[in-house]
């Protein structure tokens, strides 16, 4: 299937999931994850009305973004090393993978230097998996309060990559993240990928990060 057909299919599935959950379609932002795909693929997605694109690596976005002529919002969804904070602030509208106070401070200093208020999400290690980055759920509230006191940062919500499992098995993790979001009082929930985004929407996701289901299998 083409990018056009894939985008139409994903949108139809988003609409169906929203209908099941009694939600409006415009409550869910579709972030097309273009890691390893060329600028031309991003252009194809933008031509189909995609407004948001996600990249995992600062270096890849640095090389790709200048070749994308269409405008849209760029999200960093992969782990950010603190020494690349300046580049990340220049390149990305939203940094979804903030996972420590130290990294938040680096981003804030870079944002101040750019005269920018940087939108961020906190990445939560919702399954408490040792091999994954992210904040322990018990530490999210404290970090959120610290960030709210920093004028250079705009805390928009939470992001998580739950433990691998069948779509229905991830429901508990999506529900836990939604409950955490509600407790700390932020707007967005970035959760759900190609394999499980419909369940994520049913549990309250406001951003789904879709790569394979839009661009196809990666080489």
C-alpha atoms as a PDB file:
ATOM      1  CA  UNK A   1       0.000   0.000   0.000  1.00  0.00           C
ATOM      2  CA  UNK A   2       1.073   3.583  -0.622  1.00  0.00           C
ATOM      3  CA  UNK A   3       1.596   6.256   2.029  1.00  0.00           C
ATOM      4  CA  UNK A   4      -1.691   7.783   0.868  1.00  0.00           C
ATOM      5  CA  UNK A   5      -3.582   4.516   1.388  1.00  0.00           C
ATOM      6  CA  UNK A   6      -1.843   3.860   4.695  1.00  0.00           C
ATOM      7  CA  UNK A   7      -2.669   7.310   6.069  1.00  0.00           C
ATOM      8  CA  UNK A   8      -6.318   6.855   5.070  1.00  0.00           C
ATOM      9  CA  UNK A   9      -6.410   3.438   6.750  1.00  0.00           C
ATOM     10  CA  UNK A  10      -4.824   4.700   9.970  1.00  0.00           C
ATOM     11  CA  UNK A  11      -7.209   7.660  10.094  1.00  0.00           C
ATOM     12  CA  UNK A  12     -10.180   5.327   9.676  1.00  0.00           C
ATOM     13  CA  UNK A  13      -8.909   3.157  12.523  1.00  0.00           C
ATOM     14  CA  UNK A  14      -8.383   6.229  14.727  1.00  0.00           C
ATOM     15  CA  UNK A  15     -11.938   7.364  13.979  1.00  0.00           C
ATOM     16  CA  UNK A  16     -13.335   3.926  14.857  1.00  0.00           C
ATOM     17  CA  UNK A  17     -11.391   3.809  18.133  1.00  0.00           C
ATOM     18  CA  UNK A  18     -12.603   7.303  19.027  1.00  0.00           C
ATOM     19  CA  UNK A  19     -16.183   6.266  18.301  1.00  0.00           C
ATOM     20  CA  UNK A  20     -15.864   3.247  20.600  1.00  0.00           C
ATOM     21  CA  UNK A  21     -14.514   5.490  23.365  1.00  0.00           C
ATOM     22  CA  UNK A  22     -17.048   8.274  22.829  1.00  0.00           C
ATOM     23  CA  UNK A  23     -14.303  10.705  21.872  1.00  0.00           C
ATOM     24  CA  UNK A  24     -13.899  13.251  19.067  1.00  0.00           C
ATOM     25  CA  UNK A  25     -11.383  12.481  16.333  1.00  0.00           C
ATOM     26  CA  UNK A  26      -9.765  15.899  16.688  1.00  0.00           C
ATOM     27  CA  UNK A  27      -8.760  14.988  20.248  1.00  0.00           C
ATOM     28  CA  UNK A  28      -6.058  12.666  18.818  1.00  0.00           C
ATOM     29  CA  UNK A  29      -2.945  13.920  17.017  1.00  0.00           C
ATOM     30  CA  UNK A  30      -1.406  11.515  14.511  1.00  0.00           C
ATOM     31  CA  UNK A  31       2.393  11.729  14.679  1.00  0.00           C
ATOM     32  CA  UNK A  32       3.977  10.034  11.656  1.00  0.00           C
ATOM     33  CA  UNK A  33       7.266   8.472  12.772  1.00  0.00           C
ATOM     34  CA  UNK A  34       9.709   8.786   9.902  1.00  0.00           C
ATOM     35  CA  UNK A  35      12.927   7.414  11.397  1.00  0.00           C
ATOM     36  CA  UNK A  36      15.125   5.770   8.726  1.00  0.00           C
ATOM     37  CA  UNK A  37      12.796   7.017   5.970  1.00  0.00           C
ATOM     38  CA  UNK A  38      13.925   9.801   3.601  1.00  0.00           C
ATOM     39  CA  UNK A  39      12.681  13.368   3.395  1.00  0.00           C
ATOM     40  CA  UNK A  40      10.589  12.376   0.385  1.00  0.00           C
ATOM     41  CA  UNK A  41       8.522  10.052   2.586  1.00  0.00           C
ATOM     42  CA  UNK A  42       7.873  12.905   5.016  1.00  0.00           C
ATOM     43  CA  UNK A  43       6.793  15.065   2.074  1.00  0.00           C
ATOM     44  CA  UNK A  44       4.354  12.337   1.018  1.00  0.00           C
ATOM     45  CA  UNK A  45       2.859  12.251   4.497  1.00  0.00           C
ATOM     46  CA  UNK A  46       2.511  16.028   4.650  1.00  0.00           C
ATOM     47  CA  UNK A  47       0.817  15.950   1.240  1.00  0.00           C
ATOM     48  CA  UNK A  48      -1.846  13.704   2.799  1.00  0.00           C
ATOM     49  CA  UNK A  49      -2.570  16.231   5.530  1.00  0.00           C
ATOM     50  CA  UNK A  50      -0.222  14.922   8.209  1.00  0.00           C
ATOM     51  CA  UNK A  51       0.790  17.856  10.412  1.00  0.00           C
ATOM     52  CA  UNK A  52       3.151  16.174  12.883  1.00  0.00           C
ATOM     53  CA  UNK A  53       6.245  14.064  12.282  1.00  0.00           C
ATOM     54  CA  UNK A  54       8.374  12.180  14.812  1.00  0.00           C
ATOM     55  CA  UNK A  55      12.083  11.404  14.736  1.00  0.00           C
ATOM     56  CA  UNK A  56      14.131   9.287  17.121  1.00  0.00           C
ATOM     57  CA  UNK A  57      17.544  10.844  16.627  1.00  0.00           C
ATOM     58  CA  UNK A  58      18.725  14.438  16.608  1.00  0.00           C
ATOM     59  CA  UNK A  59      21.361  13.725  13.964  1.00  0.00           C
ATOM     60  CA  UNK A  60      18.875  12.170  11.544  1.00  0.00           C
ATOM     61  CA  UNK A  61      16.492  15.101  11.915  1.00  0.00           C
ATOM     62  CA  UNK A  62      19.373  17.547  11.391  1.00  0.00           C
ATOM     63  CA  UNK A  63      20.163  15.908   8.073  1.00  0.00           C
ATOM     64  CA  UNK A  64      16.575  15.335   6.938  1.00  0.00           C
ATOM     65  CA  UNK A  65      14.630  18.415   7.982  1.00  0.00           C
ATOM     66  CA  UNK A  66      16.289  20.892   5.557  1.00  0.00           C
ATOM     67  CA  UNK A  67      15.134  18.703   2.644  1.00  0.00           C
ATOM     68  CA  UNK A  68      11.501  18.764   3.743  1.00  0.00           C
ATOM     69  CA  UNK A  69       9.880  21.787   2.137  1.00  0.00           C
ATOM     70  CA  UNK A  70       6.406  21.364   3.660  1.00  0.00           C
ATOM     71  CA  UNK A  71       5.893  22.761   7.130  1.00  0.00           C
ATOM     72  CA  UNK A  72       4.708  20.839  10.169  1.00  0.00           C
ATOM     73  CA  UNK A  73       5.477  20.162  13.804  1.00  0.00           C
ATOM     74  CA  UNK A  74       8.534  18.035  14.537  1.00  0.00           C
ATOM     75  CA  UNK A  75       8.596  15.799  17.609  1.00  0.00           C
ATOM     76  CA  UNK A  76      11.682  14.203  19.148  1.00  0.00           C
ATOM     77  CA  UNK A  77      10.486  10.848  20.457  1.00  0.00           C
ATOM     78  CA  UNK A  78      13.810   9.083  21.035  1.00  0.00           C
ATOM     79  CA  UNK A  79      16.251   9.341  23.925  1.00  0.00           C
ATOM     80  CA  UNK A  80      18.009  12.705  24.096  1.00  0.00           C
ATOM     81  CA  UNK A  81      21.599  12.974  25.260  1.00  0.00           C
ATOM     82  CA  UNK A  82      22.149  16.160  27.227  1.00  0.00           C
ATOM     83  CA  UNK A  83      25.024  17.249  24.971  1.00  0.00           C
ATOM     84  CA  UNK A  84      22.568  17.440  22.063  1.00  0.00           C
ATOM     85  CA  UNK A  85      20.025  19.607  23.872  1.00  0.00           C
ATOM     86  CA  UNK A  86      20.914  22.738  21.893  1.00  0.00           C
ATOM     87  CA  UNK A  87      20.380  21.008  18.561  1.00  0.00           C
ATOM     88  CA  UNK A  88      17.160  19.430  19.792  1.00  0.00           C
ATOM     89  CA  UNK A  89      15.747  22.814  20.787  1.00  0.00           C
ATOM     90  CA  UNK A  90      16.617  24.255  17.369  1.00  0.00           C
ATOM     91  CA  UNK A  91      15.144  21.344  15.440  1.00  0.00           C
ATOM     92  CA  UNK A  92      12.068  20.207  17.343  1.00  0.00           C
ATOM     93  CA  UNK A  93       8.800  21.848  18.255  1.00  0.00           C
ATOM     94  CA  UNK A  94       8.121  19.229  20.930  1.00  0.00           C
ATOM     95  CA  UNK A  95      10.622  17.077  22.836  1.00  0.00           C
ATOM     96  CA  UNK A  96       8.720  14.048  24.107  1.00  0.00           C
ATOM     97  CA  UNK A  97      11.551  12.223  25.841  1.00  0.00           C
ATOM     98  CA  UNK A  98      12.537  14.324  28.858  1.00  0.00           C
ATOM     99  CA  UNK A  99      13.445  11.867  31.587  1.00  0.00           C
ATOM    100  CA  UNK A 100      15.379  13.763  34.272  1.00  0.00           C
ATOM    101  CA  UNK A 101      15.700  17.120  35.992  1.00  0.00           C
ATOM    102  CA  UNK A 102      19.246  17.467  34.654  1.00  0.00           C
ATOM    103  CA  UNK A 103      18.095  17.016  31.051  1.00  0.00           C
ATOM    104  CA  UNK A 104      15.203  19.425  31.588  1.00  0.00           C
ATOM    105  CA  UNK A 105      17.661  22.040  32.836  1.00  0.00           C
ATOM    106  CA  UNK A 106      19.894  21.573  29.777  1.00  0.00           C
ATOM    107  CA  UNK A 107      16.896  22.003  27.487  1.00  0.00           C
ATOM    108  CA  UNK A 108      15.778  25.090  29.409  1.00  0.00           C
ATOM    109  CA  UNK A 109      19.188  26.746  29.063  1.00  0.00           C
ATOM    110  CA  UNK A 110      19.233  25.991  25.343  1.00  0.00           C
ATOM    111  CA  UNK A 111      15.698  27.359  24.974  1.00  0.00           C
ATOM    112  CA  UNK A 112      16.658  30.563  26.783  1.00  0.00           C
ATOM    113  CA  UNK A 113      19.545  30.978  24.371  1.00  0.00           C
ATOM    114  CA  UNK A 114      17.165  30.612  21.435  1.00  0.00           C
ATOM    115  CA  UNK A 115      14.553  32.935  22.927  1.00  0.00           C
ATOM    116  CA  UNK A 116      12.107  30.047  22.889  1.00  0.00           C
ATOM    117  CA  UNK A 117       9.732  28.383  25.318  1.00  0.00           C
ATOM    118  CA  UNK A 118      10.297  24.702  24.599  1.00  0.00           C
ATOM    119  CA  UNK A 119       7.314  22.344  24.641  1.00  0.00           C
ATOM    120  CA  UNK A 120       8.148  19.037  26.320  1.00  0.00           C
ATOM    121  CA  UNK A 121       6.628  15.780  27.487  1.00  0.00           C
ATOM    122  CA  UNK A 122       7.972  13.657  30.319  1.00  0.00           C
ATOM    123  CA  UNK A 123       8.870  10.123  29.319  1.00  0.00           C
ATOM    124  CA  UNK A 124       7.628   7.701  31.961  1.00  0.00           C
ATOM    125  CA  UNK A 125       9.029   4.193  32.383  1.00  0.00           C
ATOM    126  CA  UNK A 126       5.514   2.979  33.021  1.00  0.00           C
ATOM    127  CA  UNK A 127       6.467  -0.709  33.168  1.00  0.00           C
ATOM    128  CA  UNK A 128       9.502  -0.003  35.362  1.00  0.00           C
ATOM    129  CA  UNK A 129      11.735  -1.892  32.929  1.00  0.00           C
ATOM    130  CA  UNK A 130      15.458  -1.697  33.659  1.00  0.00           C
ATOM    131  CA  UNK A 131      16.454  -1.654  29.982  1.00  0.00           C
ATOM    132  CA  UNK A 132      14.301   1.370  29.146  1.00  0.00           C
ATOM    133  CA  UNK A 133      14.795   5.062  29.770  1.00  0.00           C
ATOM    134  CA  UNK A 134      12.136   7.156  31.449  1.00  0.00           C
ATOM    135  CA  UNK A 135      11.160   8.426  34.872  1.00  0.00           C
ATOM    136  CA  UNK A 136       9.825   6.104  37.524  1.00  0.00           C
ATOM    137  CA  UNK A 137       6.097   6.816  37.855  1.00  0.00           C
ATOM    138  CA  UNK A 138       6.550   7.751  41.535  1.00  0.00           C
ATOM    139  CA  UNK A 139       8.975  10.551  40.579  1.00  0.00           C
ATOM    140  CA  UNK A 140       6.859  12.192  37.879  1.00  0.00           C
ATOM    141  CA  UNK A 141       4.931  14.537  40.172  1.00  0.00           C
ATOM    142  CA  UNK A 142       8.043  16.043  41.729  1.00  0.00           C
ATOM    143  CA  UNK A 143       9.763  16.544  38.364  1.00  0.00           C
ATOM    144  CA  UNK A 144       6.611  18.097  36.917  1.00  0.00           C
ATOM    145  CA  UNK A 145       6.538  20.665  39.712  1.00  0.00           C
ATOM    146  CA  UNK A 146      10.206  21.506  39.161  1.00  0.00           C
ATOM    147  CA  UNK A 147       9.607  22.035  35.444  1.00  0.00           C
ATOM    148  CA  UNK A 148       6.536  24.186  36.029  1.00  0.00           C
ATOM    149  CA  UNK A 149       8.782  26.653  37.859  1.00  0.00           C
ATOM    150  CA  UNK A 150      10.985  27.062  34.789  1.00  0.00           C
ATOM    151  CA  UNK A 151       9.702  29.753  32.409  1.00  0.00           C
ATOM    152  CA  UNK A 152      11.687  28.326  29.472  1.00  0.00           C
ATOM    153  CA  UNK A 153       9.813  25.010  29.547  1.00  0.00           C
ATOM    154  CA  UNK A 154       6.207  24.286  28.605  1.00  0.00           C
ATOM    155  CA  UNK A 155       5.167  20.952  30.111  1.00  0.00           C
ATOM    156  CA  UNK A 156       2.467  19.542  27.833  1.00  0.00           C
ATOM    157  CA  UNK A 157       2.054  15.961  29.027  1.00  0.00           C
ATOM    158  CA  UNK A 158       3.438  12.444  29.437  1.00  0.00           C
ATOM    159  CA  UNK A 159       4.843   9.868  27.026  1.00  0.00           C
ATOM    160  CA  UNK A 160       5.476   6.162  27.496  1.00  0.00           C
ATOM    161  CA  UNK A 161       6.522   3.017  25.673  1.00  0.00           C
ATOM    162  CA  UNK A 162       4.844   0.165  27.589  1.00  0.00           C
ATOM    163  CA  UNK A 163       6.230  -3.348  27.959  1.00  0.00           C
ATOM    164  CA  UNK A 164       5.986  -5.450  24.813  1.00  0.00           C
ATOM    165  CA  UNK A 165       2.851  -7.536  24.620  1.00  0.00           C
ATOM    166  CA  UNK A 166      -0.392  -8.043  22.788  1.00  0.00           C
ATOM    167  CA  UNK A 167      -2.469  -4.909  22.312  1.00  0.00           C
ATOM    168  CA  UNK A 168      -4.927  -5.836  25.049  1.00  0.00           C
ATOM    169  CA  UNK A 169      -2.067  -6.577  27.440  1.00  0.00           C
ATOM    170  CA  UNK A 170      -0.860  -2.996  27.099  1.00  0.00           C
ATOM    171  CA  UNK A 171      -4.227  -1.592  28.151  1.00  0.00           C
ATOM    172  CA  UNK A 172      -3.298  -1.653  31.840  1.00  0.00           C
ATOM    173  CA  UNK A 173      -0.179   0.414  31.177  1.00  0.00           C
ATOM    174  CA  UNK A 174      -2.081   2.971  29.106  1.00  0.00           C
ATOM    175  CA  UNK A 175      -4.677   3.221  31.855  1.00  0.00           C
ATOM    176  CA  UNK A 176      -1.986   3.699  34.501  1.00  0.00           C
ATOM    177  CA  UNK A 177      -0.359   6.485  32.484  1.00  0.00           C
ATOM    178  CA  UNK A 178      -3.719   8.204  32.011  1.00  0.00           C
ATOM    179  CA  UNK A 179      -4.357   8.070  35.754  1.00  0.00           C
ATOM    180  CA  UNK A 180      -0.903   9.536  36.382  1.00  0.00           C
ATOM    181  CA  UNK A 181      -1.566  12.296  33.856  1.00  0.00           C
ATOM    182  CA  UNK A 182      -4.815  13.157  35.581  1.00  0.00           C
ATOM    183  CA  UNK A 183      -3.128  13.335  38.986  1.00  0.00           C
ATOM    184  CA  UNK A 184      -0.454  15.804  37.900  1.00  0.00           C
ATOM    185  CA  UNK A 185      -2.795  17.842  35.717  1.00  0.00           C
ATOM    186  CA  UNK A 186      -1.261  17.992  32.241  1.00  0.00           C
ATOM    187  CA  UNK A 187      -3.035  17.798  28.898  1.00  0.00           C
ATOM    188  CA  UNK A 188      -1.392  15.273  26.620  1.00  0.00           C
ATOM    189  CA  UNK A 189      -0.815  11.545  26.630  1.00  0.00           C
ATOM    190  CA  UNK A 190       1.584  10.327  23.946  1.00  0.00           C
ATOM    191  CA  UNK A 191       0.980   6.595  23.910  1.00  0.00           C
ATOM    192  CA  UNK A 192       0.207   4.016  21.277  1.00  0.00           C
ATOM    193  CA  UNK A 193       2.165   2.878  18.230  1.00  0.00           C
ATOM    194  CA  UNK A 194       1.347   0.860  15.110  1.00  0.00           C
ATOM    195  CA  UNK A 195       0.624  -2.323  17.072  1.00  0.00           C
ATOM    196  CA  UNK A 196      -1.581  -0.912  19.816  1.00  0.00           C
ATOM    197  CA  UNK A 197      -2.722   2.638  19.034  1.00  0.00           C
ATOM    198  CA  UNK A 198      -6.413   1.757  18.978  1.00  0.00           C
ATOM    199  CA  UNK A 199      -6.311   0.470  22.556  1.00  0.00           C
ATOM    200  CA  UNK A 200      -4.284   3.545  23.543  1.00  0.00           C
ATOM    201  CA  UNK A 201      -6.975   5.823  22.111  1.00  0.00           C
ATOM    202  CA  UNK A 202      -9.660   3.921  23.979  1.00  0.00           C
ATOM    203  CA  UNK A 203      -7.674   4.601  27.152  1.00  0.00           C
ATOM    204  CA  UNK A 204      -7.264   8.325  26.502  1.00  0.00           C
ATOM    205  CA  UNK A 205      -4.242   8.860  24.256  1.00  0.00           C
ATOM    206  CA  UNK A 206      -4.056  12.316  22.667  1.00  0.00           C
ATOM    207  CA  UNK A 207      -0.981  11.567  20.508  1.00  0.00           C
ATOM    208  CA  UNK A 208      -0.295   8.301  18.685  1.00  0.00           C
ATOM    209  CA  UNK A 209       3.166   7.659  17.214  1.00  0.00           C
ATOM    210  CA  UNK A 210       2.734   5.677  13.997  1.00  0.00           C
ATOM    211  CA  UNK A 211       5.637   4.552  11.833  1.00  0.00           C
ATOM    212  CA  UNK A 212       5.243   1.152  10.180  1.00  0.00           C
ATOM    213  CA  UNK A 213       1.511   1.472   9.588  1.00  0.00           C
ATOM    214  CA  UNK A 214       2.156   4.644   7.562  1.00  0.00           C
ATOM    215  CA  UNK A 215       5.564   4.210   5.935  1.00  0.00           C
ATOM    216  CA  UNK A 216       5.837   0.423   5.842  1.00  0.00           C
ATOM    217  CA  UNK A 217       8.466  -1.918   7.229  1.00  0.00           C
ATOM    218  CA  UNK A 218      11.915  -0.504   7.856  1.00  0.00           C
ATOM    219  CA  UNK A 219      14.837  -2.029   6.076  1.00  0.00           C
END
